[in-house]
Amino acid sequence: MDIKFENVTYIYQHNSPFEHKALEDVSFHIKSGSFVAIVGHTGSGKSTLISHLNGLSIPTKGKVRIGDYSLSKEKKPNNMKELRSRVGVVFQYPEHQLFEETVKKDIAFGPDNFGVSKEEIEKRIQSIVPAVGLPQDVLDRSPFDLSGGQMRRVAIAGVLAVNPDILVLDEPTAGLDPRGQKEIMDMFYKLHYEKGLTTVLVTHSMEDALKYADHVIILNKGMKYMEGKPEEVFTQKEALHKVQLDVPEIVSFLNRFNEKYSTSLLYEKQSMKELAFQIREALMGVESS
């Protein structure tokens, strides 16, 4: 599903002494099947932006289009429940939302709430549990008897069981150790391509945005500051520093390498092995010149 923001402004407590403009005149187009990272420091408007994707927030001005659904102050979709079944949101610490007595019941809660048949729910559970890296024998266990990482996977499975077309990830690796962060992000990346999802990742990690996203949108003070391919946006060191963002480590390393050896290596999502080979070739060229 395509996502379009058309001159969207959102004001909290509009027309009150406490009003606050969280988004201002934001426009962009996320094509169906894209993996897009939304980046910005705290208070930049990231959470407010994604709350528009399933109708939790309605623009004060402008229009949001999610596939065939249109959201504006003047017009809200009559079938909001249907829209929310098409957009799955994984919030920070999603395991805090677990509440059922068994893992199976927790995963089934979402699709059951949207009217999916028992037979179809069973099929989805059998498919999703291995996809999120959980063994089948956890289904009859209490989610609260699992490890923290497993609990998070159960919560993610519950979102995926609704069978969304759009997957919104709000800092999904918060609180995990480096290994857990990589495992979760690799899982989302695999699911994105296997299921043909449109994925929107909200993150503070420039490394994750660079590695996984094919497009990045940077917000600053509620406005769109930059957007483009991550390997192009993240080379603009001065522009990023103006909004308190750092260049990803691999890009910073290549910048220093190119400056020292007068080379022009670019990060283009190569593997570390491919990049090491390119660096070796570049050094051999320097030595022979």
C-alpha atoms as a PDB file:
ATOM      1  CA  MET A   1       0.000   0.000   0.000  1.00  0.00           C
ATOM      2  CA  ASP A   2       1.253   3.474  -0.883  1.00  0.00           C
ATOM      3  CA  ILE A   3       1.438   6.130   1.827  1.00  0.00           C
ATOM      4  CA  LYS A   4       1.103   9.827   0.977  1.00  0.00           C
ATOM      5  CA  PHE A   5       1.304  12.835   3.280  1.00  0.00           C
ATOM      6  CA  GLU A   6       0.032  15.979   1.586  1.00  0.00           C
ATOM      7  CA  ASN A   7       0.944  19.194   3.438  1.00  0.00           C
ATOM      8  CA  VAL A   8       0.105  17.635   6.792  1.00  0.00           C
ATOM      9  CA  THR A   9       0.057  19.800   9.902  1.00  0.00           C
ATOM     10  CA  TYR A  10      -0.929  18.395  13.288  1.00  0.00           C
ATOM     11  CA  ILE A  11      -1.576  20.541  16.350  1.00  0.00           C
ATOM     12  CA  TYR A  12      -2.150  19.060  19.785  1.00  0.00           C
ATOM     13  CA  GLN A  13      -4.953  20.752  21.801  1.00  0.00           C
ATOM     14  CA  HIS A  14      -5.746  23.019  18.864  1.00  0.00           C
ATOM     15  CA  ASN A  15      -7.332  26.391  19.690  1.00  0.00           C
ATOM     16  CA  SER A  16      -6.419  26.109  23.356  1.00  0.00           C
ATOM     17  CA  PRO A  17      -3.778  27.906  25.450  1.00  0.00           C
ATOM     18  CA  PHE A  18      -1.793  24.648  25.431  1.00  0.00           C
ATOM     19  CA  GLU A  19      -1.715  24.028  21.700  1.00  0.00           C
ATOM     20  CA  HIS A  20       1.497  22.569  20.292  1.00  0.00           C
ATOM     21  CA  LYS A  21       2.371  22.152  16.619  1.00  0.00           C
ATOM     22  CA  ALA A  22       3.901  18.671  16.321  1.00  0.00           C
ATOM     23  CA  LEU A  23       3.949  18.482  12.503  1.00  0.00           C
ATOM     24  CA  GLU A  24       4.072  21.363  10.019  1.00  0.00           C
ATOM     25  CA  ASP A  25       3.378  21.124   6.281  1.00  0.00           C
ATOM     26  CA  VAL A  26       4.858  17.630   5.899  1.00  0.00           C
ATOM     27  CA  SER A  27       4.666  16.012   2.456  1.00  0.00           C
ATOM     28  CA  PHE A  28       6.177  12.766   1.173  1.00  0.00           C
ATOM     29  CA  HIS A  29       5.296   9.622  -0.762  1.00  0.00           C
ATOM     30  CA  ILE A  30       6.186   6.110   0.392  1.00  0.00           C
ATOM     31  CA  LYS A  31       5.763   3.627  -2.435  1.00  0.00           C
ATOM     32  CA  SER A  32       4.186   0.242  -1.791  1.00  0.00           C
ATOM     33  CA  GLY A  33       6.814  -2.364  -0.901  1.00  0.00           C
ATOM     34  CA  SER A  34       9.352   0.199   0.338  1.00  0.00           C
ATOM     35  CA  PHE A  35      11.353  -0.062   3.557  1.00  0.00           C
ATOM     36  CA  VAL A  36      11.483   3.510   4.866  1.00  0.00           C
ATOM     37  CA  ALA A  37      13.268   4.831   7.955  1.00  0.00           C
ATOM     38  CA  ILE A  38      11.932   7.884   9.806  1.00  0.00           C
ATOM     39  CA  VAL A  39      14.826   9.505  11.680  1.00  0.00           C
ATOM     40  CA  GLY A  40      15.035  12.496  13.992  1.00  0.00           C
ATOM     41  CA  HIS A  41      15.946  13.468  17.523  1.00  0.00           C
ATOM     42  CA  THR A  42      13.442  13.394  20.399  1.00  0.00           C
ATOM     43  CA  GLY A  43      10.631  15.863  19.763  1.00  0.00           C
ATOM     44  CA  SER A  44      11.080  15.920  15.992  1.00  0.00           C
ATOM     45  CA  GLY A  45       7.565  14.575  15.343  1.00  0.00           C
ATOM     46  CA  LYS A  46       8.285  10.909  14.551  1.00  0.00           C
ATOM     47  CA  SER A  47       5.687   9.404  16.900  1.00  0.00           C
ATOM     48  CA  THR A  48       3.037  11.907  15.860  1.00  0.00           C
ATOM     49  CA  LEU A  49       3.710  11.127  12.213  1.00  0.00           C
ATOM     50  CA  ILE A  50       3.238   7.374  12.569  1.00  0.00           C
ATOM     51  CA  SER A  51       0.082   7.853  14.662  1.00  0.00           C
ATOM     52  CA  HIS A  52      -1.521   9.126  11.431  1.00  0.00           C
ATOM     53  CA  LEU A  53      -0.857   5.865   9.628  1.00  0.00           C
ATOM     54  CA  ASN A  54      -3.710   3.975  11.289  1.00  0.00           C
ATOM     55  CA  GLY A  55      -5.985   6.888  12.108  1.00  0.00           C
ATOM     56  CA  LEU A  56      -5.026   7.346  15.760  1.00  0.00           C
ATOM     57  CA  SER A  57      -4.387  10.970  14.771  1.00  0.00           C
ATOM     58  CA  ILE A  58      -6.193  12.949  12.063  1.00  0.00           C
ATOM     59  CA  PRO A  59      -4.401  15.888  10.374  1.00  0.00           C
ATOM     60  CA  THR A  60      -5.312  19.340  11.627  1.00  0.00           C
ATOM     61  CA  LYS A  61      -4.541  20.500   8.089  1.00  0.00           C
ATOM     62  CA  GLY A  62      -3.679  18.566   4.941  1.00  0.00           C
ATOM     63  CA  LYS A  63      -4.410  14.966   3.982  1.00  0.00           C
ATOM     64  CA  VAL A  64      -3.014  11.498   4.577  1.00  0.00           C
ATOM     65  CA  ARG A  65      -3.643   8.742   2.021  1.00  0.00           C
ATOM     66  CA  ILE A  66      -3.095   5.103   2.968  1.00  0.00           C
ATOM     67  CA  GLY A  67      -3.795   3.062  -0.149  1.00  0.00           C
ATOM     68  CA  ASP A  68      -7.418   3.862  -0.994  1.00  0.00           C
ATOM     69  CA  TYR A  69      -8.109   5.358   2.434  1.00  0.00           C
ATOM     70  CA  SER A  70      -8.085   9.121   2.907  1.00  0.00           C
ATOM     71  CA  LEU A  71      -7.790  10.916   6.248  1.00  0.00           C
ATOM     72  CA  SER A  72      -8.329  14.636   6.724  1.00  0.00           C
ATOM     73  CA  LYS A  73     -10.135  16.939   9.121  1.00  0.00           C
ATOM     74  CA  GLU A  74     -12.973  17.191   6.617  1.00  0.00           C
ATOM     75  CA  LYS A  75     -13.171  13.501   5.731  1.00  0.00           C
ATOM     76  CA  LYS A  76     -12.453  10.396   7.771  1.00  0.00           C
ATOM     77  CA  PRO A  77     -12.881   6.887   6.363  1.00  0.00           C
ATOM     78  CA  ASN A  78     -16.108   5.177   7.410  1.00  0.00           C
ATOM     79  CA  ASN A  79     -14.273   1.862   7.680  1.00  0.00           C
ATOM     80  CA  MET A  80     -11.559   2.908  10.148  1.00  0.00           C
ATOM     81  CA  LYS A  81     -11.493  -0.582  11.674  1.00  0.00           C
ATOM     82  CA  GLU A  82     -10.669  -2.029   8.265  1.00  0.00           C
ATOM     83  CA  LEU A  83      -7.832   0.481   7.821  1.00  0.00           C
ATOM     84  CA  ARG A  84      -6.386  -0.496  11.195  1.00  0.00           C
ATOM     85  CA  SER A  85      -6.430  -4.144  10.180  1.00  0.00           C
ATOM     86  CA  ARG A  86      -4.233  -3.224   7.196  1.00  0.00           C
ATOM     87  CA  VAL A  87      -1.653  -1.318   9.279  1.00  0.00           C
ATOM     88  CA  GLY A  88       0.227  -3.245  11.964  1.00  0.00           C
ATOM     89  CA  VAL A  89       2.116  -1.223  14.567  1.00  0.00           C
ATOM     90  CA  VAL A  90       4.917  -2.612  16.734  1.00  0.00           C
ATOM     91  CA  PHE A  91       5.411  -0.113  19.538  1.00  0.00           C
ATOM     92  CA  GLN A  92       8.422   0.278  21.815  1.00  0.00           C
ATOM     93  CA  TYR A  93       8.508  -2.571  24.334  1.00  0.00           C
ATOM     94  CA  PRO A  94       5.542  -4.377  22.704  1.00  0.00           C
ATOM     95  CA  GLU A  95       5.864  -7.174  25.269  1.00  0.00           C
ATOM     96  CA  HIS A  96       4.278  -4.807  27.801  1.00  0.00           C
ATOM     97  CA  GLN A  97       0.999  -5.265  25.904  1.00  0.00           C
ATOM     98  CA  LEU A  98       0.822  -9.032  26.480  1.00  0.00           C
ATOM     99  CA  PHE A  99      -2.020 -10.061  28.765  1.00  0.00           C
ATOM    100  CA  GLU A 100      -3.521 -13.434  27.799  1.00  0.00           C
ATOM    101  CA  GLU A 101      -2.934 -16.663  29.736  1.00  0.00           C
ATOM    102  CA  THR A 102      -1.221 -18.441  26.821  1.00  0.00           C
ATOM    103  CA  VAL A 103       0.977 -17.407  23.906  1.00  0.00           C
ATOM    104  CA  LYS A 104      -1.558 -18.819  21.445  1.00  0.00           C
ATOM    105  CA  LYS A 105      -4.409 -16.730  22.860  1.00  0.00           C
ATOM    106  CA  ASP A 106      -2.260 -13.592  22.811  1.00  0.00           C
ATOM    107  CA  ILE A 107      -1.325 -14.048  19.140  1.00  0.00           C
ATOM    108  CA  ALA A 108      -4.965 -14.810  18.265  1.00  0.00           C
ATOM    109  CA  PHE A 109      -6.386 -11.736  20.028  1.00  0.00           C
ATOM    110  CA  GLY A 110      -5.804  -9.259  17.186  1.00  0.00           C
ATOM    111  CA  PRO A 111      -7.189 -11.254  14.264  1.00  0.00           C
ATOM    112  CA  ASP A 112     -10.103 -12.473  16.419  1.00  0.00           C
ATOM    113  CA  ASN A 113     -10.949  -8.840  17.237  1.00  0.00           C
ATOM    114  CA  PHE A 114     -11.024  -8.082  13.493  1.00  0.00           C
ATOM    115  CA  GLY A 115     -13.427 -10.942  12.784  1.00  0.00           C
ATOM    116  CA  VAL A 116     -11.039 -13.494  11.302  1.00  0.00           C
ATOM    117  CA  SER A 117     -12.365 -17.069  11.444  1.00  0.00           C
ATOM    118  CA  LYS A 118     -10.965 -19.564  13.976  1.00  0.00           C
ATOM    119  CA  GLU A 119      -9.691 -21.777  11.164  1.00  0.00           C
ATOM    120  CA  GLU A 120      -7.840 -18.918   9.481  1.00  0.00           C
ATOM    121  CA  ILE A 121      -6.373 -17.748  12.794  1.00  0.00           C
ATOM    122  CA  GLU A 122      -5.009 -21.240  13.407  1.00  0.00           C
ATOM    123  CA  LYS A 123      -3.370 -21.260   9.967  1.00  0.00           C
ATOM    124  CA  ARG A 124      -1.801 -17.866  10.576  1.00  0.00           C
ATOM    125  CA  ILE A 125      -0.446 -18.865  13.969  1.00  0.00           C
ATOM    126  CA  GLN A 126       1.179 -21.999  12.547  1.00  0.00           C
ATOM    127  CA  SER A 127       2.827 -19.882   9.836  1.00  0.00           C
ATOM    128  CA  ILE A 128       3.847 -16.890  11.947  1.00  0.00           C
ATOM    129  CA  VAL A 129       5.351 -18.612  14.989  1.00  0.00           C
ATOM    130  CA  PRO A 130       8.363 -20.062  13.105  1.00  0.00           C
ATOM    131  CA  ALA A 131       8.657 -16.862  11.043  1.00  0.00           C
ATOM    132  CA  VAL A 132       9.370 -14.857  14.219  1.00  0.00           C
ATOM    133  CA  GLY A 133      11.818 -17.457  15.508  1.00  0.00           C
ATOM    134  CA  LEU A 134       9.675 -19.113  18.168  1.00  0.00           C
ATOM    135  CA  PRO A 135       9.355 -22.887  18.725  1.00  0.00           C
ATOM    136  CA  GLN A 136       5.869 -24.411  18.417  1.00  0.00           C
ATOM    137  CA  ASP A 137       5.971 -25.658  22.005  1.00  0.00           C
ATOM    138  CA  VAL A 138       5.619 -22.110  23.392  1.00  0.00           C
ATOM    139  CA  LEU A 139       2.001 -21.827  22.202  1.00  0.00           C
ATOM    140  CA  ASP A 140       0.463 -23.359  25.326  1.00  0.00           C
ATOM    141  CA  ARG A 141       2.814 -21.621  27.736  1.00  0.00           C
ATOM    142  CA  SER A 142       2.177 -18.377  29.539  1.00  0.00           C
ATOM    143  CA  PRO A 143       3.937 -15.490  27.743  1.00  0.00           C
ATOM    144  CA  PHE A 144       5.121 -14.313  31.154  1.00  0.00           C
ATOM    145  CA  ASP A 145       7.181 -17.492  31.607  1.00  0.00           C
ATOM    146  CA  LEU A 146       9.279 -16.659  28.526  1.00  0.00           C
ATOM    147  CA  SER A 147      12.492 -14.669  28.224  1.00  0.00           C
ATOM    148  CA  GLY A 148      12.261 -10.969  27.399  1.00  0.00           C
ATOM    149  CA  GLY A 149      13.345 -11.578  23.812  1.00  0.00           C
ATOM    150  CA  GLN A 150      10.774 -14.343  23.354  1.00  0.00           C
ATOM    151  CA  MET A 151       8.028 -12.154  24.832  1.00  0.00           C
ATOM    152  CA  ARG A 152       8.842  -9.481  22.288  1.00  0.00           C
ATOM    153  CA  ARG A 153       8.605 -12.031  19.474  1.00  0.00           C
ATOM    154  CA  VAL A 154       5.193 -13.138  20.767  1.00  0.00           C
ATOM    155  CA  ALA A 155       3.974  -9.540  20.698  1.00  0.00           C
ATOM    156  CA  ILE A 156       5.324  -9.111  17.158  1.00  0.00           C
ATOM    157  CA  ALA A 157       3.608 -12.343  16.115  1.00  0.00           C
ATOM    158  CA  GLY A 158       0.336 -10.895  17.394  1.00  0.00           C
ATOM    159  CA  VAL A 159       0.741  -7.871  15.122  1.00  0.00           C
ATOM    160  CA  LEU A 160       1.644 -10.025  12.116  1.00  0.00           C
ATOM    161  CA  ALA A 161      -1.316 -12.353  12.740  1.00  0.00           C
ATOM    162  CA  VAL A 162      -3.650  -9.558  11.660  1.00  0.00           C
ATOM    163  CA  ASN A 163      -1.960  -9.922   8.239  1.00  0.00           C
ATOM    164  CA  PRO A 164      -1.200  -6.214   7.670  1.00  0.00           C
ATOM    165  CA  ASP A 165      -0.063  -4.688   4.377  1.00  0.00           C
ATOM    166  CA  ILE A 166       1.890  -1.968   6.204  1.00  0.00           C
ATOM    167  CA  LEU A 167       4.174  -2.680   9.149  1.00  0.00           C
ATOM    168  CA  VAL A 168       5.118   0.251  11.371  1.00  0.00           C
ATOM    169  CA  LEU A 169       8.079  -0.297  13.704  1.00  0.00           C
ATOM    170  CA  ASP A 170       8.463   2.259  16.505  1.00  0.00           C
ATOM    171  CA  GLU A 171      11.981   1.758  17.907  1.00  0.00           C
ATOM    172  CA  PRO A 172      11.435  -2.038  17.866  1.00  0.00           C
ATOM    173  CA  THR A 173      14.879  -2.902  19.290  1.00  0.00           C
ATOM    174  CA  ALA A 174      14.646  -0.644  22.361  1.00  0.00           C
ATOM    175  CA  GLY A 175      16.134  -2.295  25.442  1.00  0.00           C
ATOM    176  CA  LEU A 176      17.734  -5.222  23.589  1.00  0.00           C
ATOM    177  CA  ASP A 177      21.429  -6.068  23.640  1.00  0.00           C
ATOM    178  CA  PRO A 178      23.389  -5.709  20.357  1.00  0.00           C
ATOM    179  CA  ARG A 179      22.856  -9.355  19.395  1.00  0.00           C
ATOM    180  CA  GLY A 180      19.124  -9.140  20.108  1.00  0.00           C
ATOM    181  CA  GLN A 181      18.869  -5.911  18.121  1.00  0.00           C
ATOM    182  CA  LYS A 182      20.470  -7.511  15.073  1.00  0.00           C
ATOM    183  CA  GLU A 183      18.326 -10.634  15.310  1.00  0.00           C
ATOM    184  CA  ILE A 184      15.087  -8.638  15.527  1.00  0.00           C
ATOM    185  CA  MET A 185      16.011  -6.287  12.677  1.00  0.00           C
ATOM    186  CA  ASP A 186      17.158  -9.166  10.447  1.00  0.00           C
ATOM    187  CA  MET A 187      13.820 -10.849  11.166  1.00  0.00           C
ATOM    188  CA  PHE A 188      11.849  -7.750  10.150  1.00  0.00           C
ATOM    189  CA  TYR A 189      13.965  -7.352   7.024  1.00  0.00           C
ATOM    190  CA  LYS A 190      13.266 -10.948   6.014  1.00  0.00           C
ATOM    191  CA  LEU A 191       9.529 -10.615   6.719  1.00  0.00           C
ATOM    192  CA  HIS A 192       9.427  -7.376   4.739  1.00  0.00           C
ATOM    193  CA  TYR A 193      10.588  -9.102   1.568  1.00  0.00           C
ATOM    194  CA  GLU A 194       8.883 -12.463   2.051  1.00  0.00           C
ATOM    195  CA  LYS A 195       5.463 -10.880   2.653  1.00  0.00           C
ATOM    196  CA  GLY A 196       5.875  -7.895   0.318  1.00  0.00           C
ATOM    197  CA  LEU A 197       5.169  -5.421   3.114  1.00  0.00           C
ATOM    198  CA  THR A 198       5.474  -1.666   3.138  1.00  0.00           C
ATOM    199  CA  THR A 199       7.645  -1.146   6.224  1.00  0.00           C
ATOM    200  CA  VAL A 200       8.083   2.109   8.138  1.00  0.00           C
ATOM    201  CA  LEU A 201      10.858   2.076  10.740  1.00  0.00           C
ATOM    202  CA  VAL A 202      11.121   4.812  13.354  1.00  0.00           C
ATOM    203  CA  THR A 203      14.629   4.700  14.760  1.00  0.00           C
ATOM    204  CA  HIS A 204      17.419   6.604  16.478  1.00  0.00           C
ATOM    205  CA  SER A 205      19.928   4.191  14.969  1.00  0.00           C
ATOM    206  CA  MET A 206      21.572   5.665  11.913  1.00  0.00           C
ATOM    207  CA  GLU A 207      23.262   2.296  11.348  1.00  0.00           C
ATOM    208  CA  ASP A 208      19.892   0.481  11.141  1.00  0.00           C
ATOM    209  CA  ALA A 209      18.491   3.138   8.809  1.00  0.00           C
ATOM    210  CA  LEU A 210      21.529   2.809   6.552  1.00  0.00           C
ATOM    211  CA  LYS A 211      21.592  -0.996   6.562  1.00  0.00           C
ATOM    212  CA  TYR A 212      17.917  -1.864   6.173  1.00  0.00           C
ATOM    213  CA  ALA A 213      16.050   1.074   4.599  1.00  0.00           C
ATOM    214  CA  ASP A 214      15.869   1.889   0.907  1.00  0.00           C
ATOM    215  CA  HIS A 215      14.612   5.420   1.675  1.00  0.00           C
ATOM    216  CA  VAL A 216      15.024   7.703   4.673  1.00  0.00           C
ATOM    217  CA  ILE A 217      13.028  10.725   5.876  1.00  0.00           C
ATOM    218  CA  ILE A 218      14.618  13.028   8.458  1.00  0.00           C
ATOM    219  CA  LEU A 219      12.366  15.173  10.630  1.00  0.00           C
ATOM    220  CA  ASN A 220      13.372  18.250  12.596  1.00  0.00           C
ATOM    221  CA  LYS A 221      11.039  20.304  14.799  1.00  0.00           C
ATOM    222  CA  GLY A 222       7.983  18.777  13.143  1.00  0.00           C
ATOM    223  CA  MET A 223       9.099  19.506   9.579  1.00  0.00           C
ATOM    224  CA  LYS A 224      10.638  17.336   6.892  1.00  0.00           C
ATOM    225  CA  TYR A 225      14.309  18.251   6.857  1.00  0.00           C
ATOM    226  CA  MET A 226      15.789  15.819   4.311  1.00  0.00           C
ATOM    227  CA  GLU A 227      14.839  12.688   2.415  1.00  0.00           C
ATOM    228  CA  GLY A 228      16.378  10.318  -0.102  1.00  0.00           C
ATOM    229  CA  LYS A 229      18.403   7.140  -0.339  1.00  0.00           C
ATOM    230  CA  PRO A 230      20.189   6.560   2.988  1.00  0.00           C
ATOM    231  CA  GLU A 231      23.592   6.076   1.370  1.00  0.00           C
ATOM    232  CA  GLU A 232      23.198   9.563  -0.166  1.00  0.00           C
ATOM    233  CA  VAL A 233      21.572  11.397   2.766  1.00  0.00           C
ATOM    234  CA  PHE A 234      24.035  10.058   5.326  1.00  0.00           C
ATOM    235  CA  THR A 235      27.063  11.419   3.487  1.00  0.00           C
ATOM    236  CA  GLN A 236      25.917  14.991   4.218  1.00  0.00           C
ATOM    237  CA  LYS A 237      27.808  15.406   7.471  1.00  0.00           C
ATOM    238  CA  GLU A 238      27.307  19.149   8.003  1.00  0.00           C
ATOM    239  CA  ALA A 239      23.557  19.028   7.299  1.00  0.00           C
ATOM    240  CA  LEU A 240      23.119  16.121   9.722  1.00  0.00           C
ATOM    241  CA  HIS A 241      25.112  17.804  12.470  1.00  0.00           C
ATOM    242  CA  LYS A 242      22.845  20.861  12.233  1.00  0.00           C
ATOM    243  CA  VAL A 243      19.995  18.696  13.535  1.00  0.00           C
ATOM    244  CA  GLN A 244      22.121  16.811  16.105  1.00  0.00           C
ATOM    245  CA  LEU A 245      22.450  13.630  14.042  1.00  0.00           C
ATOM    246  CA  ASP A 246      25.668  11.720  13.464  1.00  0.00           C
ATOM    247  CA  VAL A 247      26.940  10.101  10.298  1.00  0.00           C
ATOM    248  CA  PRO A 248      26.778   6.263  10.532  1.00  0.00           C
ATOM    249  CA  GLU A 249      30.100   4.730  11.561  1.00  0.00           C
ATOM    250  CA  ILE A 250      30.766   2.955   8.261  1.00  0.00           C
ATOM    251  CA  VAL A 251      30.140   6.163   6.293  1.00  0.00           C
ATOM    252  CA  SER A 252      32.355   8.124   8.689  1.00  0.00           C
ATOM    253  CA  PHE A 253      35.127   5.535   8.239  1.00  0.00           C
ATOM    254  CA  LEU A 254      34.912   5.704   4.439  1.00  0.00           C
ATOM    255  CA  ASN A 255      34.982   9.511   4.558  1.00  0.00           C
ATOM    256  CA  ARG A 256      38.221   9.427   6.560  1.00  0.00           C
ATOM    257  CA  PHE A 257      39.682   6.705   4.332  1.00  0.00           C
ATOM    258  CA  ASN A 258      38.884   8.643   1.137  1.00  0.00           C
ATOM    259  CA  GLU A 259      40.334  11.821   2.605  1.00  0.00           C
ATOM    260  CA  LYS A 260      43.556  10.121   3.694  1.00  0.00           C
ATOM    261  CA  TYR A 261      44.183   8.139   0.498  1.00  0.00           C
ATOM    262  CA  SER A 262      42.477  10.420  -2.072  1.00  0.00           C
ATOM    263  CA  THR A 263      40.068   7.628  -3.055  1.00  0.00           C
ATOM    264  CA  SER A 264      36.329   7.735  -3.737  1.00  0.00           C
ATOM    265  CA  LEU A 265      34.867   4.623  -2.144  1.00  0.00           C
ATOM    266  CA  LEU A 266      31.111   4.762  -1.502  1.00  0.00           C
ATOM    267  CA  TYR A 267      28.914   2.728   0.818  1.00  0.00           C
ATOM    268  CA  GLU A 268      26.334   0.987  -1.381  1.00  0.00           C
ATOM    269  CA  LYS A 269      25.049  -1.638   1.050  1.00  0.00           C
ATOM    270  CA  GLN A 270      28.001  -3.937   0.373  1.00  0.00           C
ATOM    271  CA  SER A 271      28.731  -6.776   2.747  1.00  0.00           C
ATOM    272  CA  MET A 272      31.743  -6.311   5.021  1.00  0.00           C
ATOM    273  CA  LYS A 273      33.594  -8.866   2.892  1.00  0.00           C
ATOM    274  CA  GLU A 274      32.859  -6.916  -0.315  1.00  0.00           C
ATOM    275  CA  LEU A 275      33.840  -3.643   1.313  1.00  0.00           C
ATOM    276  CA  ALA A 276      37.111  -5.109   2.613  1.00  0.00           C
ATOM    277  CA  PHE A 277      37.922  -6.284  -0.922  1.00  0.00           C
ATOM    278  CA  GLN A 278      37.227  -2.791  -2.318  1.00  0.00           C
ATOM    279  CA  ILE A 279      39.431  -1.204   0.345  1.00  0.00           C
ATOM    280  CA  ARG A 280      42.249  -3.631  -0.465  1.00  0.00           C
ATOM    281  CA  GLU A 281      41.926  -2.874  -4.184  1.00  0.00           C
ATOM    282  CA  ALA A 282      41.948   0.863  -3.460  1.00  0.00           C
ATOM    283  CA  LEU A 283      45.110   0.556  -1.312  1.00  0.00           C
ATOM    284  CA  MET A 284      46.842  -1.494  -3.989  1.00  0.00           C
ATOM    285  CA  GLY A 285      46.018   1.233  -6.481  1.00  0.00           C
ATOM    286  CA  VAL A 286      47.450   3.880  -4.162  1.00  0.00           C
ATOM    287  CA  GLU A 287      50.676   1.894  -3.680  1.00  0.00           C
ATOM    288  CA  SER A 288      51.193   1.363  -7.413  1.00  0.00           C
ATOM    289  CA  SER A 289      50.647   5.019  -8.303  1.00  0.00           C
END
